[in-house]
Amino acid sequence: MRLTARIAGSLLMAVVILSPVLREPTDDTYPLSTYPMFASDRGAQHAIATVVEIDVDGTALRLSPQLIAGTDEVILASVTVKRSVAQGESDLLCAEIANRLGPGRTVEVRVETVDVVKLVTNGVEPSRVDVRARCVA
């Protein structure tokens, strides 16, 4: 009986250990994750909603998450801009940020298409810029 229990226990453990091999690779569930967000190719080109200040020379200056959304969290600031663009409220967000910056400052809410790999490795400029709102405080 003891030997049978040990063999059954060993077989059960082997099945549990090998079960991920039998699953669909994109089946991402707890407790065994295939990490599809890292394992699948998402492409290099991405559209990123952001807010910039335009200086007197026309150069776009990146704003901090604090100026964009009143937070230190980059993801929260990004989601704030993305939702604003998606809901057609870019003008409102633009005015709020311009008021935070102060009088005479020009702000743009924009969607930039960038090659994220080249952006991180070489600091390249966006290949396309779609301005959704432009305002001056």
C-alpha atoms as a PDB file:
ATOM      1  CA  MET A   1       0.000   0.000   0.000  1.00  0.00           C
ATOM      2  CA  ARG A   2       2.807   2.432   0.899  1.00  0.00           C
ATOM      3  CA  LEU A   3       4.636   1.700  -2.338  1.00  0.00           C
ATOM      4  CA  THR A   4       1.462   2.229  -4.343  1.00  0.00           C
ATOM      5  CA  ALA A   5       0.867   5.587  -2.619  1.00  0.00           C
ATOM      6  CA  ARG A   6       4.449   6.684  -3.351  1.00  0.00           C
ATOM      7  CA  ILE A   7       4.176   5.692  -7.008  1.00  0.00           C
ATOM      8  CA  ALA A   8       0.783   7.403  -7.333  1.00  0.00           C
ATOM      9  CA  GLY A   9       2.161  10.528  -5.631  1.00  0.00           C
ATOM     10  CA  SER A  10       5.208  10.560  -7.918  1.00  0.00           C
ATOM     11  CA  LEU A  11       3.034  10.164 -11.021  1.00  0.00           C
ATOM     12  CA  LEU A  12       0.731  12.941  -9.848  1.00  0.00           C
ATOM     13  CA  MET A  13       3.703  15.274  -9.304  1.00  0.00           C
ATOM     14  CA  ALA A  14       5.082  14.432 -12.755  1.00  0.00           C
ATOM     15  CA  VAL A  15       1.722  15.252 -14.361  1.00  0.00           C
ATOM     16  CA  VAL A  16       1.511  18.561 -12.480  1.00  0.00           C
ATOM     17  CA  ILE A  17       5.067  19.508 -13.458  1.00  0.00           C
ATOM     18  CA  LEU A  18       4.595  18.582 -17.118  1.00  0.00           C
ATOM     19  CA  SER A  19       1.059  19.982 -17.502  1.00  0.00           C
ATOM     20  CA  PRO A  20       2.201  23.405 -18.827  1.00  0.00           C
ATOM     21  CA  VAL A  21       3.632  21.625 -21.874  1.00  0.00           C
ATOM     22  CA  LEU A  22       0.126  20.476 -22.788  1.00  0.00           C
ATOM     23  CA  ARG A  23      -1.446  23.933 -22.445  1.00  0.00           C
ATOM     24  CA  GLU A  24      -1.963  26.473 -25.206  1.00  0.00           C
ATOM     25  CA  PRO A  25       1.054  28.858 -25.122  1.00  0.00           C
ATOM     26  CA  THR A  26      -1.205  31.911 -24.839  1.00  0.00           C
ATOM     27  CA  ASP A  27      -3.211  30.423 -21.951  1.00  0.00           C
ATOM     28  CA  ASP A  28      -1.966  32.685 -19.163  1.00  0.00           C
ATOM     29  CA  THR A  29      -3.424  31.652 -15.826  1.00  0.00           C
ATOM     30  CA  TYR A  30      -2.443  31.481 -12.197  1.00  0.00           C
ATOM     31  CA  PRO A  31      -0.259  29.908 -10.857  1.00  0.00           C
ATOM     32  CA  LEU A  32       1.665  29.049 -14.021  1.00  0.00           C
ATOM     33  CA  SER A  33       2.168  32.029 -16.300  1.00  0.00           C
ATOM     34  CA  THR A  34       3.601  31.971 -19.813  1.00  0.00           C
ATOM     35  CA  TYR A  35       4.128  35.754 -19.559  1.00  0.00           C
ATOM     36  CA  PRO A  36       2.580  36.485 -22.980  1.00  0.00           C
ATOM     37  CA  MET A  37       3.164  40.213 -22.530  1.00  0.00           C
ATOM     38  CA  PHE A  38       6.873  39.486 -22.830  1.00  0.00           C
ATOM     39  CA  ALA A  39       6.820  36.339 -24.963  1.00  0.00           C
ATOM     40  CA  SER A  40       4.824  37.613 -27.939  1.00  0.00           C
ATOM     41  CA  ASP A  41       6.014  40.090 -30.548  1.00  0.00           C
ATOM     42  CA  ARG A  42       4.119  43.361 -30.144  1.00  0.00           C
ATOM     43  CA  GLY A  43       5.972  45.136 -32.938  1.00  0.00           C
ATOM     44  CA  ALA A  44       8.273  48.118 -32.698  1.00  0.00           C
ATOM     45  CA  GLN A  45       5.877  50.888 -33.822  1.00  0.00           C
ATOM     46  CA  HIS A  46       3.553  52.210 -31.119  1.00  0.00           C
ATOM     47  CA  ALA A  47       1.225  55.200 -30.834  1.00  0.00           C
ATOM     48  CA  ILE A  48       1.776  56.960 -27.516  1.00  0.00           C
ATOM     49  CA  ALA A  49      -0.504  59.716 -26.220  1.00  0.00           C
ATOM     50  CA  THR A  50       1.473  62.421 -24.450  1.00  0.00           C
ATOM     51  CA  VAL A  51       1.563  66.114 -23.594  1.00  0.00           C
ATOM     52  CA  VAL A  52       4.448  68.444 -24.421  1.00  0.00           C
ATOM     53  CA  GLU A  53       5.254  72.101 -23.987  1.00  0.00           C
ATOM     54  CA  ILE A  54       6.254  73.949 -27.152  1.00  0.00           C
ATOM     55  CA  ASP A  55       9.006  76.494 -26.507  1.00  0.00           C
ATOM     56  CA  VAL A  56       9.564  79.735 -28.470  1.00  0.00           C
ATOM     57  CA  ASP A  57      11.768  77.883 -30.979  1.00  0.00           C
ATOM     58  CA  GLY A  58       9.024  75.317 -31.659  1.00  0.00           C
ATOM     59  CA  THR A  59      10.861  72.552 -29.814  1.00  0.00           C
ATOM     60  CA  ALA A  60       8.719  70.019 -27.951  1.00  0.00           C
ATOM     61  CA  LEU A  61       9.713  69.741 -24.293  1.00  0.00           C
ATOM     62  CA  ARG A  62       8.651  66.614 -22.398  1.00  0.00           C
ATOM     63  CA  LEU A  63       6.531  67.283 -19.335  1.00  0.00           C
ATOM     64  CA  SER A  64       6.764  65.372 -16.076  1.00  0.00           C
ATOM     65  CA  PRO A  65       3.957  63.100 -14.844  1.00  0.00           C
ATOM     66  CA  GLN A  66       3.460  65.667 -12.053  1.00  0.00           C
ATOM     67  CA  LEU A  67       2.684  68.433 -14.567  1.00  0.00           C
ATOM     68  CA  ILE A  68       0.541  66.165 -16.747  1.00  0.00           C
ATOM     69  CA  ALA A  69      -1.587  64.446 -14.120  1.00  0.00           C
ATOM     70  CA  GLY A  70      -0.481  65.582 -10.668  1.00  0.00           C
ATOM     71  CA  THR A  71       1.320  62.316  -9.916  1.00  0.00           C
ATOM     72  CA  ASP A  72       4.822  60.878  -9.883  1.00  0.00           C
ATOM     73  CA  GLU A  73       3.565  57.712 -11.587  1.00  0.00           C
ATOM     74  CA  VAL A  74       4.383  57.586 -15.308  1.00  0.00           C
ATOM     75  CA  ILE A  75       1.701  54.973 -16.032  1.00  0.00           C
ATOM     76  CA  LEU A  76      -1.037  57.045 -14.368  1.00  0.00           C
ATOM     77  CA  ALA A  77      -0.038  60.121 -16.364  1.00  0.00           C
ATOM     78  CA  SER A  78       0.008  58.061 -19.562  1.00  0.00           C
ATOM     79  CA  VAL A  79      -3.451  56.628 -18.878  1.00  0.00           C
ATOM     80  CA  THR A  80      -4.772  60.129 -18.111  1.00  0.00           C
ATOM     81  CA  VAL A  81      -3.654  61.396 -21.523  1.00  0.00           C
ATOM     82  CA  LYS A  82      -4.776  58.254 -23.357  1.00  0.00           C
ATOM     83  CA  ARG A  83      -8.282  58.455 -21.836  1.00  0.00           C
ATOM     84  CA  SER A  84      -8.520  62.162 -22.544  1.00  0.00           C
ATOM     85  CA  VAL A  85      -7.712  61.577 -26.217  1.00  0.00           C
ATOM     86  CA  ALA A  86     -10.068  58.586 -26.479  1.00  0.00           C
ATOM     87  CA  GLN A  87     -12.962  60.501 -24.891  1.00  0.00           C
ATOM     88  CA  GLY A  88     -12.458  63.607 -27.040  1.00  0.00           C
ATOM     89  CA  GLU A  89     -11.420  65.725 -24.049  1.00  0.00           C
ATOM     90  CA  SER A  90      -7.958  66.724 -25.265  1.00  0.00           C
ATOM     91  CA  ASP A  91      -8.849  70.448 -25.226  1.00  0.00           C
ATOM     92  CA  LEU A  92      -9.859  70.269 -21.570  1.00  0.00           C
ATOM     93  CA  LEU A  93      -6.673  68.432 -20.540  1.00  0.00           C
ATOM     94  CA  CYS A  94      -4.586  70.848 -22.597  1.00  0.00           C
ATOM     95  CA  ALA A  95      -6.116  73.866 -20.824  1.00  0.00           C
ATOM     96  CA  GLU A  96      -5.625  72.309 -17.372  1.00  0.00           C
ATOM     97  CA  ILE A  97      -1.942  71.625 -18.023  1.00  0.00           C
ATOM     98  CA  ALA A  98      -1.332  75.036 -19.617  1.00  0.00           C
ATOM     99  CA  ASN A  99      -2.826  76.679 -16.515  1.00  0.00           C
ATOM    100  CA  ARG A 100      -0.466  74.636 -14.311  1.00  0.00           C
ATOM    101  CA  LEU A 101       2.506  75.829 -16.361  1.00  0.00           C
ATOM    102  CA  GLY A 102       1.531  79.494 -16.232  1.00  0.00           C
ATOM    103  CA  PRO A 103       0.792  82.393 -18.582  1.00  0.00           C
ATOM    104  CA  GLY A 104       2.158  82.436 -22.114  1.00  0.00           C
ATOM    105  CA  ARG A 105       3.131  78.761 -22.181  1.00  0.00           C
ATOM    106  CA  THR A 106       2.076  76.662 -25.191  1.00  0.00           C
ATOM    107  CA  VAL A 107       0.970  73.068 -24.655  1.00  0.00           C
ATOM    108  CA  GLU A 108       0.107  70.267 -27.088  1.00  0.00           C
ATOM    109  CA  VAL A 109      -1.781  67.061 -26.427  1.00  0.00           C
ATOM    110  CA  ARG A 110      -0.535  64.695 -29.100  1.00  0.00           C
ATOM    111  CA  VAL A 111      -0.303  61.110 -30.214  1.00  0.00           C
ATOM    112  CA  GLU A 112       3.226  60.236 -31.311  1.00  0.00           C
ATOM    113  CA  THR A 113       4.039  57.181 -33.391  1.00  0.00           C
ATOM    114  CA  VAL A 114       7.461  55.932 -32.389  1.00  0.00           C
ATOM    115  CA  ASP A 115       9.727  52.966 -32.939  1.00  0.00           C
ATOM    116  CA  VAL A 116      10.131  52.153 -29.257  1.00  0.00           C
ATOM    117  CA  VAL A 117      13.279  50.087 -29.741  1.00  0.00           C
ATOM    118  CA  LYS A 118      15.032  52.915 -31.591  1.00  0.00           C
ATOM    119  CA  LEU A 119      13.649  55.449 -29.122  1.00  0.00           C
ATOM    120  CA  VAL A 120      15.192  53.604 -26.178  1.00  0.00           C
ATOM    121  CA  THR A 121      18.485  52.741 -27.880  1.00  0.00           C
ATOM    122  CA  ASN A 122      19.100  55.861 -29.992  1.00  0.00           C
ATOM    123  CA  GLY A 123      16.653  58.498 -28.775  1.00  0.00           C
ATOM    124  CA  VAL A 124      15.004  58.947 -32.194  1.00  0.00           C
ATOM    125  CA  GLU A 125      12.165  61.386 -32.799  1.00  0.00           C
ATOM    126  CA  PRO A 126       8.608  60.191 -33.502  1.00  0.00           C
ATOM    127  CA  SER A 127       7.910  59.161 -37.093  1.00  0.00           C
ATOM    128  CA  ARG A 128       4.449  60.767 -36.901  1.00  0.00           C
ATOM    129  CA  VAL A 129       2.862  63.368 -34.633  1.00  0.00           C
ATOM    130  CA  ASP A 130      -0.915  63.831 -34.500  1.00  0.00           C
ATOM    131  CA  VAL A 131      -1.727  66.981 -32.502  1.00  0.00           C
ATOM    132  CA  ARG A 132      -5.103  66.556 -30.776  1.00  0.00           C
ATOM    133  CA  ALA A 133      -5.129  69.913 -28.947  1.00  0.00           C
ATOM    134  CA  ARG A 134      -2.949  73.020 -28.760  1.00  0.00           C
ATOM    135  CA  CYS A 135      -3.486  75.781 -26.245  1.00  0.00           C
ATOM    136  CA  VAL A 136      -1.827  78.752 -24.570  1.00  0.00           C
ATOM    137  CA  ALA A 137      -2.428  79.677 -20.941  1.00  0.00           C
END
